[in-house]
């Protein structure tokens, strides 16, 4: 059996030379923000070479395109936004209160 890791998302990506570090986060079961939403808590760091990261992005883009084509995910309409603001992707409504905030 292989170990598996669950994450609610990537909090930060840092590039240093030929190394890319992705900080993986989970929603805290105990800590809340000012809006009473679970806080994101650092869980683990994924470290890749630039080549491995670029390949991973390509694989994830293909998976995202498949999810969009299947109607599981819909892209938000393009709009003017700062370059530092992430592109949001929404899933089709599931009605589950346990759905990750990354997919609402």
PDB file of N, CA and C in Angstrom:
ATOM      1  N   UNK A   1       0.840  -1.174   0.000  1.00  0.00           N
ATOM      2  CA  UNK A   1       0.000   0.000   0.000  1.00  0.00           C
ATOM      3  C   UNK A   1       0.890   1.243   0.000  1.00  0.00           C
ATOM      4  N   UNK A   2       0.471   2.244  -0.745  1.00  0.00           N
ATOM      5  CA  UNK A   2       1.219   3.489  -0.823  1.00  0.00           C
ATOM      6  C   UNK A   2       0.566   4.540   0.059  1.00  0.00           C
ATOM      7  N   UNK A   3       1.403   5.371   0.669  1.00  0.00           N
ATOM      8  CA  UNK A   3       0.874   6.456   1.493  1.00  0.00           C
ATOM      9  C   UNK A   3       0.184   7.484   0.602  1.00  0.00           C
ATOM     10  N   UNK A   4      -0.928   8.022   1.078  1.00  0.00           N
ATOM     11  CA  UNK A   4      -1.657   9.052   0.346  1.00  0.00           C
ATOM     12  C   UNK A   4      -1.705  10.313   1.194  1.00  0.00           C
ATOM     13  N   UNK A   5      -1.793  11.442   0.519  1.00  0.00           N
ATOM     14  CA  UNK A   5      -1.840  12.719   1.204  1.00  0.00           C
ATOM     15  C   UNK A   5      -3.025  13.506   0.688  1.00  0.00           C
ATOM     16  N   UNK A   6      -3.852  14.027   1.593  1.00  0.00           N
ATOM     17  CA  UNK A   6      -4.970  14.874   1.205  1.00  0.00           C
ATOM     18  C   UNK A   6      -4.586  16.320   1.476  1.00  0.00           C
ATOM     19  N   UNK A   7      -4.964  17.226   0.571  1.00  0.00           N
ATOM     20  CA  UNK A   7      -4.739  18.645   0.788  1.00  0.00           C
ATOM     21  C   UNK A   7      -5.963  19.414   0.325  1.00  0.00           C
ATOM     22  N   UNK A   8      -6.248  20.519   1.021  1.00  0.00           N
ATOM     23  CA  UNK A   8      -7.331  21.403   0.594  1.00  0.00           C
ATOM     24  C   UNK A   8      -6.832  22.404  -0.433  1.00  0.00           C
ATOM     25  N   UNK A   9      -5.534  22.450  -0.663  1.00  0.00           N
ATOM     26  CA  UNK A   9      -5.016  23.352  -1.678  1.00  0.00           C
ATOM     27  C   UNK A   9      -3.553  23.688  -1.497  1.00  0.00           C
ATOM     28  N   UNK A  10      -3.082  24.525  -2.406  1.00  0.00           N
ATOM     29  CA  UNK A  10      -1.711  25.030  -2.374  1.00  0.00           C
ATOM     30  C   UNK A  10      -1.779  26.470  -1.890  1.00  0.00           C
ATOM     31  N   UNK A  11      -1.026  26.781  -0.846  1.00  0.00           N
ATOM     32  CA  UNK A  11      -1.053  28.128  -0.282  1.00  0.00           C
ATOM     33  C   UNK A  11      -0.035  29.035  -0.955  1.00  0.00           C
ATOM     34  N   UNK A  12       1.148  28.505  -1.191  1.00  0.00           N
ATOM     35  CA  UNK A  12       2.208  29.333  -1.756  1.00  0.00           C
ATOM     36  C   UNK A  12       3.120  28.480  -2.619  1.00  0.00           C
ATOM     37  N   UNK A  13       3.615  29.091  -3.694  1.00  0.00           N
ATOM     38  CA  UNK A  13       4.592  28.442  -4.563  1.00  0.00           C
ATOM     39  C   UNK A  13       5.831  29.323  -4.575  1.00  0.00           C
ATOM     40  N   UNK A  14       6.973  28.737  -4.247  1.00  0.00           N
ATOM     41  CA  UNK A  14       8.226  29.474  -4.207  1.00  0.00           C
ATOM     42  C   UNK A  14       9.204  28.840  -5.189  1.00  0.00           C
ATOM     43  N   UNK A  15       9.810  29.667  -6.026  1.00  0.00           N
ATOM     44  CA  UNK A  15      10.811  29.189  -6.976  1.00  0.00           C
ATOM     45  C   UNK A  15      12.160  29.729  -6.538  1.00  0.00           C
ATOM     46  N   UNK A  16      13.116  28.824  -6.395  1.00  0.00           N
ATOM     47  CA  UNK A  16      14.464  29.199  -5.994  1.00  0.00           C
ATOM     48  C   UNK A  16      15.435  28.446  -6.894  1.00  0.00           C
ATOM     49  N   UNK A  17      15.992  29.165  -7.878  1.00  0.00           N
ATOM     50  CA  UNK A  17      16.876  28.499  -8.837  1.00  0.00           C
ATOM     51  C   UNK A  17      16.113  27.484  -9.643  1.00  0.00           C
ATOM     52  N   UNK A  18      16.533  26.228  -9.571  1.00  0.00           N
ATOM     53  CA  UNK A  18      15.878  25.173 -10.348  1.00  0.00           C
ATOM     54  C   UNK A  18      14.924  24.335  -9.499  1.00  0.00           C
ATOM     55  N   UNK A  19      14.563  24.858  -8.323  1.00  0.00           N
ATOM     56  CA  UNK A  19      13.686  24.136  -7.402  1.00  0.00           C
ATOM     57  C   UNK A  19      12.388  24.908  -7.187  1.00  0.00           C
ATOM     58  N   UNK A  20      11.258  24.189  -7.209  1.00  0.00           N
ATOM     59  CA  UNK A  20       9.939  24.773  -6.952  1.00  0.00           C
ATOM     60  C   UNK A  20       9.385  24.115  -5.694  1.00  0.00           C
ATOM     61  N   UNK A  21       8.941  24.950  -4.758  1.00  0.00           N
ATOM     62  CA  UNK A  21       8.362  24.454  -3.507  1.00  0.00           C
ATOM     63  C   UNK A  21       6.886  24.844  -3.449  1.00  0.00           C
ATOM     64  N   UNK A  22       6.020  23.863  -3.229  1.00  0.00           N
ATOM     65  CA  UNK A  22       4.588  24.101  -3.096  1.00  0.00           C
ATOM     66  C   UNK A  22       4.186  23.797  -1.657  1.00  0.00           C
ATOM     67  N   UNK A  23       3.659  24.794  -0.968  1.00  0.00           N
ATOM     68  CA  UNK A  23       3.199  24.604   0.402  1.00  0.00           C
ATOM     69  C   UNK A  23       1.745  24.147   0.367  1.00  0.00           C
ATOM     70  N   UNK A  24       1.507  22.939   0.873  1.00  0.00           N
ATOM     71  CA  UNK A  24       0.176  22.352   0.881  1.00  0.00           C
ATOM     72  C   UNK A  24      -0.514  22.688   2.206  1.00  0.00           C
ATOM     73  N   UNK A  25      -1.800  22.997   2.127  1.00  0.00           N
ATOM     74  CA  UNK A  25      -2.556  23.383   3.316  1.00  0.00           C
ATOM     75  C   UNK A  25      -3.819  22.547   3.452  1.00  0.00           C
ATOM     76  N   UNK A  26      -4.305  22.488   4.674  1.00  0.00           N
ATOM     77  CA  UNK A  26      -5.603  21.881   4.983  1.00  0.00           C
ATOM     78  C   UNK A  26      -6.396  22.886   5.795  1.00  0.00           C
ATOM     79  N   UNK A  27      -7.695  22.729   5.788  1.00  0.00           N
ATOM     80  CA  UNK A  27      -8.531  23.594   6.614  1.00  0.00           C
ATOM     81  C   UNK A  27      -8.471  23.096   8.051  1.00  0.00           C
ATOM     82  N   UNK A  28      -8.197  24.006   8.970  1.00  0.00           N
ATOM     83  CA  UNK A  28      -8.050  23.657  10.380  1.00  0.00           C
ATOM     84  C   UNK A  28      -9.386  23.233  10.978  1.00  0.00           C
ATOM     85  N   UNK A  29      -9.392  22.151  11.736  1.00  0.00           N
ATOM     86  CA  UNK A  29     -10.632  21.734  12.386  1.00  0.00           C
ATOM     87  C   UNK A  29     -10.959  22.581  13.621  1.00  0.00           C
ATOM     88  N   UNK A  30      -9.975  23.349  14.113  1.00  0.00           N
ATOM     89  CA  UNK A  30     -10.188  24.105  15.356  1.00  0.00           C
ATOM     90  C   UNK A  30     -10.041  25.610  15.215  1.00  0.00           C
ATOM     91  N   UNK A  31      -9.190  26.077  14.308  1.00  0.00           N
ATOM     92  CA  UNK A  31      -8.939  27.515  14.178  1.00  0.00           C
ATOM     93  C   UNK A  31      -9.883  28.138  13.161  1.00  0.00           C
ATOM     94  N   UNK A  32     -10.425  29.317  13.514  1.00  0.00           N
ATOM     95  CA  UNK A  32     -11.368  30.033  12.656  1.00  0.00           C
ATOM     96  C   UNK A  32     -10.868  31.447  12.398  1.00  0.00           C
ATOM     97  N   UNK A  33     -11.229  32.010  11.232  1.00  0.00           N
ATOM     98  CA  UNK A  33     -10.887  33.396  10.933  1.00  0.00           C
ATOM     99  C   UNK A  33     -11.996  34.320  11.427  1.00  0.00           C
ATOM    100  N   UNK A  34     -11.913  35.601  11.095  1.00  0.00           N
ATOM    101  CA  UNK A  34     -12.891  36.586  11.553  1.00  0.00           C
ATOM    102  C   UNK A  34     -14.301  36.316  11.022  1.00  0.00           C
ATOM    103  N   UNK A  35     -14.402  35.598   9.914  1.00  0.00           N
ATOM    104  CA  UNK A  35     -15.707  35.261   9.332  1.00  0.00           C
ATOM    105  C   UNK A  35     -16.200  33.881   9.771  1.00  0.00           C
ATOM    106  N   UNK A  36     -15.514  33.304  10.752  1.00  0.00           N
ATOM    107  CA  UNK A  36     -15.832  31.985  11.295  1.00  0.00           C
ATOM    108  C   UNK A  36     -15.603  30.854  10.293  1.00  0.00           C
ATOM    109  N   UNK A  37     -14.806  31.109   9.275  1.00  0.00           N
ATOM    110  CA  UNK A  37     -14.436  30.066   8.321  1.00  0.00           C
ATOM    111  C   UNK A  37     -13.152  29.393   8.814  1.00  0.00           C
ATOM    112  N   UNK A  38     -12.976  28.109   8.542  1.00  0.00           N
ATOM    113  CA  UNK A  38     -11.748  27.435   8.981  1.00  0.00           C
ATOM    114  C   UNK A  38     -10.511  28.100   8.380  1.00  0.00           C
ATOM    115  N   UNK A  39      -9.469  28.261   9.194  1.00  0.00           N
ATOM    116  CA  UNK A  39      -8.211  28.831   8.714  1.00  0.00           C
ATOM    117  C   UNK A  39      -7.434  27.767   7.948  1.00  0.00           C
ATOM    118  N   UNK A  40      -6.662  28.240   6.981  1.00  0.00           N
ATOM    119  CA  UNK A  40      -5.781  27.347   6.237  1.00  0.00           C
ATOM    120  C   UNK A  40      -4.521  27.124   7.072  1.00  0.00           C
ATOM    121  N   UNK A  41      -4.140  25.857   7.250  1.00  0.00           N
ATOM    122  CA  UNK A  41      -2.975  25.518   8.056  1.00  0.00           C
ATOM    123  C   UNK A  41      -1.967  24.745   7.207  1.00  0.00           C
ATOM    124  N   UNK A  42      -0.703  25.156   7.261  1.00  0.00           N
ATOM    125  CA  UNK A  42       0.367  24.461   6.533  1.00  0.00           C
ATOM    126  C   UNK A  42       0.420  23.010   6.990  1.00  0.00           C
ATOM    127  N   UNK A  43       0.527  22.091   6.026  1.00  0.00           N
ATOM    128  CA  UNK A  43       0.603  20.667   6.352  1.00  0.00           C
ATOM    129  C   UNK A  43       1.879  20.011   5.857  1.00  0.00           C
ATOM    130  N   UNK A  44       2.263  20.322   4.607  1.00  0.00           N
ATOM    131  CA  UNK A  44       3.427  19.648   4.034  1.00  0.00           C
ATOM    132  C   UNK A  44       3.931  20.451   2.850  1.00  0.00           C
ATOM    133  N   UNK A  45       5.183  20.261   2.499  1.00  0.00           N
ATOM    134  CA  UNK A  45       5.762  20.947   1.355  1.00  0.00           C
ATOM    135  C   UNK A  45       6.133  19.916   0.296  1.00  0.00           C
ATOM    136  N   UNK A  46       5.753  20.212  -0.939  1.00  0.00           N
ATOM    137  CA  UNK A  46       6.103  19.387  -2.077  1.00  0.00           C
ATOM    138  C   UNK A  46       7.226  20.104  -2.814  1.00  0.00           C
ATOM    139  N   UNK A  47       8.345  19.421  -3.024  1.00  0.00           N
ATOM    140  CA  UNK A  47       9.506  20.036  -3.656  1.00  0.00           C
ATOM    141  C   UNK A  47       9.780  19.320  -4.976  1.00  0.00           C
ATOM    142  N   UNK A  48       9.821  20.108  -6.060  1.00  0.00           N
ATOM    143  CA  UNK A  48      10.004  19.565  -7.407  1.00  0.00           C
ATOM    144  C   UNK A  48      11.098  20.330  -8.139  1.00  0.00           C
ATOM    145  N   UNK A  49      11.677  19.684  -9.137  1.00  0.00           N
ATOM    146  CA  UNK A  49      12.541  20.418 -10.059  1.00  0.00           C
ATOM    147  C   UNK A  49      11.637  21.281 -10.942  1.00  0.00           C
ATOM    148  N   UNK A  50      12.204  22.287 -11.585  1.00  0.00           N
ATOM    149  CA  UNK A  50      11.415  23.136 -12.484  1.00  0.00           C
ATOM    150  C   UNK A  50      10.795  22.286 -13.590  1.00  0.00           C
ATOM    151  N   UNK A  51      11.555  21.350 -14.138  1.00  0.00           N
ATOM    152  CA  UNK A  51      11.033  20.479 -15.200  1.00  0.00           C
ATOM    153  C   UNK A  51       9.860  19.634 -14.703  1.00  0.00           C
ATOM    154  N   UNK A  52       9.994  19.064 -13.511  1.00  0.00           N
ATOM    155  CA  UNK A  52       8.915  18.246 -12.962  1.00  0.00           C
ATOM    156  C   UNK A  52       7.681  19.103 -12.687  1.00  0.00           C
ATOM    157  N   UNK A  53       7.889  20.340 -12.195  1.00  0.00           N
ATOM    158  CA  UNK A  53       6.776  21.238 -11.941  1.00  0.00           C
ATOM    159  C   UNK A  53       6.060  21.586 -13.244  1.00  0.00           C
ATOM    160  N   UNK A  54       6.833  21.928 -14.284  1.00  0.00           N
ATOM    161  CA  UNK A  54       6.240  22.277 -15.575  1.00  0.00           C
ATOM    162  C   UNK A  54       5.433  21.104 -16.128  1.00  0.00           C
ATOM    163  N   UNK A  55       5.943  19.898 -16.004  1.00  0.00           N
ATOM    164  CA  UNK A  55       5.219  18.715 -16.468  1.00  0.00           C
ATOM    165  C   UNK A  55       3.950  18.522 -15.646  1.00  0.00           C
ATOM    166  N   UNK A  56       4.027  18.741 -14.337  1.00  0.00           N
ATOM    167  CA  UNK A  56       2.858  18.597 -13.467  1.00  0.00           C
ATOM    168  C   UNK A  56       1.766  19.588 -13.832  1.00  0.00           C
ATOM    169  N   UNK A  57       2.161  20.820 -14.132  1.00  0.00           N
ATOM    170  CA  UNK A  57       1.183  21.836 -14.528  1.00  0.00           C
ATOM    171  C   UNK A  57       0.479  21.409 -15.804  1.00  0.00           C
ATOM    172  N   UNK A  58       1.234  20.872 -16.753  1.00  0.00           N
ATOM    173  CA  UNK A  58       0.640  20.416 -18.015  1.00  0.00           C
ATOM    174  C   UNK A  58      -0.368  19.291 -17.769  1.00  0.00           C
ATOM    175  N   UNK A  59      -0.014  18.338 -16.914  1.00  0.00           N
ATOM    176  CA  UNK A  59      -0.910  17.226 -16.598  1.00  0.00           C
ATOM    177  C   UNK A  59      -2.167  17.749 -15.907  1.00  0.00           C
ATOM    178  N   UNK A  60      -2.016  18.703 -14.963  1.00  0.00           N
ATOM    179  CA  UNK A  60      -3.178  19.261 -14.258  1.00  0.00           C
ATOM    180  C   UNK A  60      -4.067  20.073 -15.195  1.00  0.00           C
ATOM    181  N   UNK A  61      -3.463  20.789 -16.161  1.00  0.00           N
ATOM    182  CA  UNK A  61      -4.268  21.533 -17.131  1.00  0.00           C
ATOM    183  C   UNK A  61      -5.099  20.587 -17.978  1.00  0.00           C
ATOM    184  N   UNK A  62      -4.521  19.459 -18.367  1.00  0.00           N
ATOM    185  CA  UNK A  62      -5.267  18.467 -19.145  1.00  0.00           C
ATOM    186  C   UNK A  62      -6.414  17.890 -18.317  1.00  0.00           C
ATOM    187  N   UNK A  63      -6.152  17.618 -17.033  1.00  0.00           N
ATOM    188  CA  UNK A  63      -7.201  17.095 -16.152  1.00  0.00           C
ATOM    189  C   UNK A  63      -8.302  18.141 -15.980  1.00  0.00           C
ATOM    190  N   UNK A  64      -7.933  19.404 -15.824  1.00  0.00           N
ATOM    191  CA  UNK A  64      -8.919  20.476 -15.677  1.00  0.00           C
ATOM    192  C   UNK A  64      -9.773  20.592 -16.935  1.00  0.00           C
ATOM    193  N   UNK A  65      -9.146  20.527 -18.099  1.00  0.00           N
ATOM    194  CA  UNK A  65      -9.895  20.595 -19.353  1.00  0.00           C
ATOM    195  C   UNK A  65     -10.901  19.449 -19.440  1.00  0.00           C
ATOM    196  N   UNK A  66     -10.523  18.273 -18.985  1.00  0.00           N
ATOM    197  CA  UNK A  66     -11.441  17.126 -18.985  1.00  0.00           C
ATOM    198  C   UNK A  66     -12.610  17.358 -18.032  1.00  0.00           C
ATOM    199  N   UNK A  67     -12.334  17.949 -16.863  1.00  0.00           N
ATOM    200  CA  UNK A  67     -13.394  18.242 -15.899  1.00  0.00           C
ATOM    201  C   UNK A  67     -14.349  19.300 -16.435  1.00  0.00           C
ATOM    202  N   UNK A  68     -13.806  20.308 -17.124  1.00  0.00           N
ATOM    203  CA  UNK A  68     -14.647  21.346 -17.734  1.00  0.00           C
ATOM    204  C   UNK A  68     -15.515  20.717 -18.824  1.00  0.00           C
ATOM    205  N   UNK A  69     -14.913  19.892 -19.667  1.00  0.00           N
ATOM    206  CA  UNK A  69     -15.653  19.247 -20.751  1.00  0.00           C
ATOM    207  C   UNK A  69     -16.756  18.338 -20.217  1.00  0.00           C
ATOM    208  N   UNK A  70     -16.525  17.721 -19.055  1.00  0.00           N
ATOM    209  CA  UNK A  70     -17.516  16.824 -18.458  1.00  0.00           C
ATOM    210  C   UNK A  70     -18.586  17.591 -17.678  1.00  0.00           C
ATOM    211  N   UNK A  71     -18.397  18.899 -17.536  1.00  0.00           N
ATOM    212  CA  UNK A  71     -19.379  19.706 -16.812  1.00  0.00           C
ATOM    213  C   UNK A  71     -19.232  19.666 -15.301  1.00  0.00           C
ATOM    214  N   UNK A  72     -18.164  19.045 -14.812  1.00  0.00           N
ATOM    215  CA  UNK A  72     -17.925  18.960 -13.368  1.00  0.00           C
ATOM    216  C   UNK A  72     -17.430  20.304 -12.832  1.00  0.00           C
ATOM    217  N   UNK A  73     -16.691  21.017 -13.660  1.00  0.00           N
ATOM    218  CA  UNK A  73     -16.116  22.315 -13.288  1.00  0.00           C
ATOM    219  C   UNK A  73     -16.492  23.319 -14.359  1.00  0.00           C
ATOM    220  N   UNK A  74     -16.766  24.552 -13.943  1.00  0.00           N
ATOM    221  CA  UNK A  74     -16.976  25.615 -14.924  1.00  0.00           C
ATOM    222  C   UNK A  74     -16.036  26.757 -14.595  1.00  0.00           C
ATOM    223  N   UNK A  75     -15.500  27.365 -15.623  1.00  0.00           N
ATOM    224  CA  UNK A  75     -14.571  28.478 -15.437  1.00  0.00           C
ATOM    225  C   UNK A  75     -15.353  29.762 -15.239  1.00  0.00           C
ATOM    226  N   UNK A  76     -14.834  30.632 -14.375  1.00  0.00           N
ATOM    227  CA  UNK A  76     -15.419  31.961 -14.217  1.00  0.00           C
ATOM    228  C   UNK A  76     -15.148  32.769 -15.467  1.00  0.00           C
ATOM    229  N   UNK A  77     -16.041  33.698 -15.778  1.00  0.00           N
ATOM    230  CA  UNK A  77     -15.856  34.558 -16.945  1.00  0.00           C
ATOM    231  C   UNK A  77     -14.608  35.411 -16.760  1.00  0.00           C
ATOM    232  N   UNK A  78     -13.824  35.626 -17.829  1.00  0.00           N
ATOM    233  CA  UNK A  78     -12.643  36.486 -17.718  1.00  0.00           C
ATOM    234  C   UNK A  78     -13.057  37.901 -17.334  1.00  0.00           C
ATOM    235  N   UNK A  79     -12.255  38.531 -16.531  1.00  0.00           N
ATOM    236  CA  UNK A  79     -12.519  39.907 -16.112  1.00  0.00           C
ATOM    237  C   UNK A  79     -11.189  40.589 -15.837  1.00  0.00           C
ATOM    238  N   UNK A  80     -11.225  41.876 -15.694  1.00  0.00           N
ATOM    239  CA  UNK A  80     -10.013  42.603 -15.352  1.00  0.00           C
ATOM    240  C   UNK A  80      -9.674  42.301 -13.902  1.00  0.00           C
ATOM    241  N   UNK A  81      -8.461  41.860 -13.665  1.00  0.00           N
ATOM    242  CA  UNK A  81      -8.021  41.561 -12.311  1.00  0.00           C
ATOM    243  C   UNK A  81      -6.516  41.768 -12.241  1.00  0.00           C
ATOM    244  N   UNK A  82      -6.009  42.069 -11.054  1.00  0.00           N
ATOM    245  CA  UNK A  82      -4.564  42.222 -10.915  1.00  0.00           C
ATOM    246  C   UNK A  82      -3.855  40.924 -11.267  1.00  0.00           C
ATOM    247  N   UNK A  83      -2.651  41.015 -11.782  1.00  0.00           N
ATOM    248  CA  UNK A  83      -1.897  39.827 -12.185  1.00  0.00           C
ATOM    249  C   UNK A  83      -1.626  38.896 -11.009  1.00  0.00           C
ATOM    250  N   UNK A  84      -1.616  39.424  -9.793  1.00  0.00           N
ATOM    251  CA  UNK A  84      -1.333  38.595  -8.625  1.00  0.00           C
ATOM    252  C   UNK A  84      -2.564  37.870  -8.105  1.00  0.00           C
ATOM    253  N   UNK A  85      -3.748  38.228  -8.585  1.00  0.00           N
ATOM    254  CA  UNK A  85      -4.972  37.583  -8.117  1.00  0.00           C
ATOM    255  C   UNK A  85      -5.132  36.240  -8.818  1.00  0.00           C
ATOM    256  N   UNK A  86      -5.400  35.155  -8.055  1.00  0.00           N
ATOM    257  CA  UNK A  86      -5.531  33.842  -8.683  1.00  0.00           C
ATOM    258  C   UNK A  86      -6.783  33.743  -9.551  1.00  0.00           C
ATOM    259  N   UNK A  87      -6.733  32.850 -10.514  1.00  0.00           N
ATOM    260  CA  UNK A  87      -7.900  32.549 -11.338  1.00  0.00           C
ATOM    261  C   UNK A  87      -8.743  31.555 -10.550  1.00  0.00           C
ATOM    262  N   UNK A  88     -10.001  31.860 -10.367  1.00  0.00           N
ATOM    263  CA  UNK A  88     -10.883  30.993  -9.607  1.00  0.00           C
ATOM    264  C   UNK A  88     -11.596  30.028 -10.534  1.00  0.00           C
ATOM    265  N   UNK A  89     -11.744  28.821 -10.074  1.00  0.00           N
ATOM    266  CA  UNK A  89     -12.470  27.796 -10.806  1.00  0.00           C
ATOM    267  C   UNK A  89     -13.551  27.277  -9.872  1.00  0.00           C
ATOM    268  N   UNK A  90     -14.765  27.138 -10.363  1.00  0.00           N
ATOM    269  CA  UNK A  90     -15.866  26.653  -9.541  1.00  0.00           C
ATOM    270  C   UNK A  90     -16.298  25.282 -10.008  1.00  0.00           C
ATOM    271  N   UNK A  91     -16.710  24.451  -9.056  1.00  0.00           N
ATOM    272  CA  UNK A  91     -17.291  23.166  -9.434  1.00  0.00           C
ATOM    273  C   UNK A  91     -18.788  23.355  -9.589  1.00  0.00           C
ATOM    274  N   UNK A  92     -19.401  22.412 -10.257  1.00  0.00           N
ATOM    275  CA  UNK A  92     -20.857  22.433 -10.339  1.00  0.00           C
ATOM    276  C   UNK A  92     -21.398  22.250  -8.930  1.00  0.00           C
ATOM    277  N   UNK A  93     -22.526  22.858  -8.597  1.00  0.00           N
ATOM    278  CA  UNK A  93     -23.054  22.760  -7.235  1.00  0.00           C
ATOM    279  C   UNK A  93     -23.248  21.312  -6.813  1.00  0.00           C
ATOM    280  N   UNK A  94     -22.727  20.982  -5.630  1.00  0.00           N
ATOM    281  CA  UNK A  94     -22.865  19.615  -5.135  1.00  0.00           C
ATOM    282  C   UNK A  94     -23.804  19.538  -3.955  1.00  0.00           C
ATOM    283  N   UNK A  95     -24.014  20.664  -3.287  1.00  0.00           N
ATOM    284  CA  UNK A  95     -24.890  20.687  -2.130  1.00  0.00           C
ATOM    285  C   UNK A  95     -24.230  20.163  -0.870  1.00  0.00           C
ATOM    286  N   UNK A  96     -22.997  19.716  -0.958  1.00  0.00           N
ATOM    287  CA  UNK A  96     -22.318  19.172   0.208  1.00  0.00           C
ATOM    288  C   UNK A  96     -21.743  20.281   1.072  1.00  0.00           C
ATOM    289  N   UNK A  97     -22.094  20.321   2.368  1.00  0.00           N
ATOM    290  CA  UNK A  97     -21.517  21.335   3.242  1.00  0.00           C
ATOM    291  C   UNK A  97     -20.047  21.066   3.530  1.00  0.00           C
ATOM    292  N   UNK A  98     -19.552  19.887   3.172  1.00  0.00           N
ATOM    293  CA  UNK A  98     -18.166  19.529   3.427  1.00  0.00           C
ATOM    294  C   UNK A  98     -17.255  19.808   2.249  1.00  0.00           C
ATOM    295  N   UNK A  99     -17.789  20.415   1.202  1.00  0.00           N
ATOM    296  CA  UNK A  99     -16.977  20.710   0.025  1.00  0.00           C
ATOM    297  C   UNK A  99     -15.894  21.713   0.377  1.00  0.00           C
ATOM    298  N   UNK A 100     -14.732  21.555  -0.193  1.00  0.00           N
ATOM    299  CA  UNK A 100     -13.620  22.463   0.063  1.00  0.00           C
ATOM    300  C   UNK A 100     -13.954  23.871  -0.420  1.00  0.00           C
ATOM    301  N   UNK A 101     -13.498  24.870   0.329  1.00  0.00           N
ATOM    302  CA  UNK A 101     -13.710  26.265  -0.089  1.00  0.00           C
ATOM    303  C   UNK A 101     -12.978  26.559  -1.375  1.00  0.00           C
ATOM    304  N   UNK A 102     -11.989  25.735  -1.722  1.00  0.00           N
ATOM    305  CA  UNK A 102     -11.268  25.929  -2.975  1.00  0.00           C
ATOM    306  C   UNK A 102     -12.138  25.609  -4.177  1.00  0.00           C
ATOM    307  N   UNK A 103     -13.264  24.937  -3.942  1.00  0.00           N
ATOM    308  CA  UNK A 103     -14.110  24.497  -5.038  1.00  0.00           C
ATOM    309  C   UNK A 103     -15.534  24.999  -4.894  1.00  0.00           C
ATOM    310  N   UNK A 104     -15.712  26.164  -4.306  1.00  0.00           N
ATOM    311  CA  UNK A 104     -17.042  26.766  -4.180  1.00  0.00           C
ATOM    312  C   UNK A 104     -17.129  27.973  -5.046  1.00  0.00           C
TER     313      UNK A 104
END
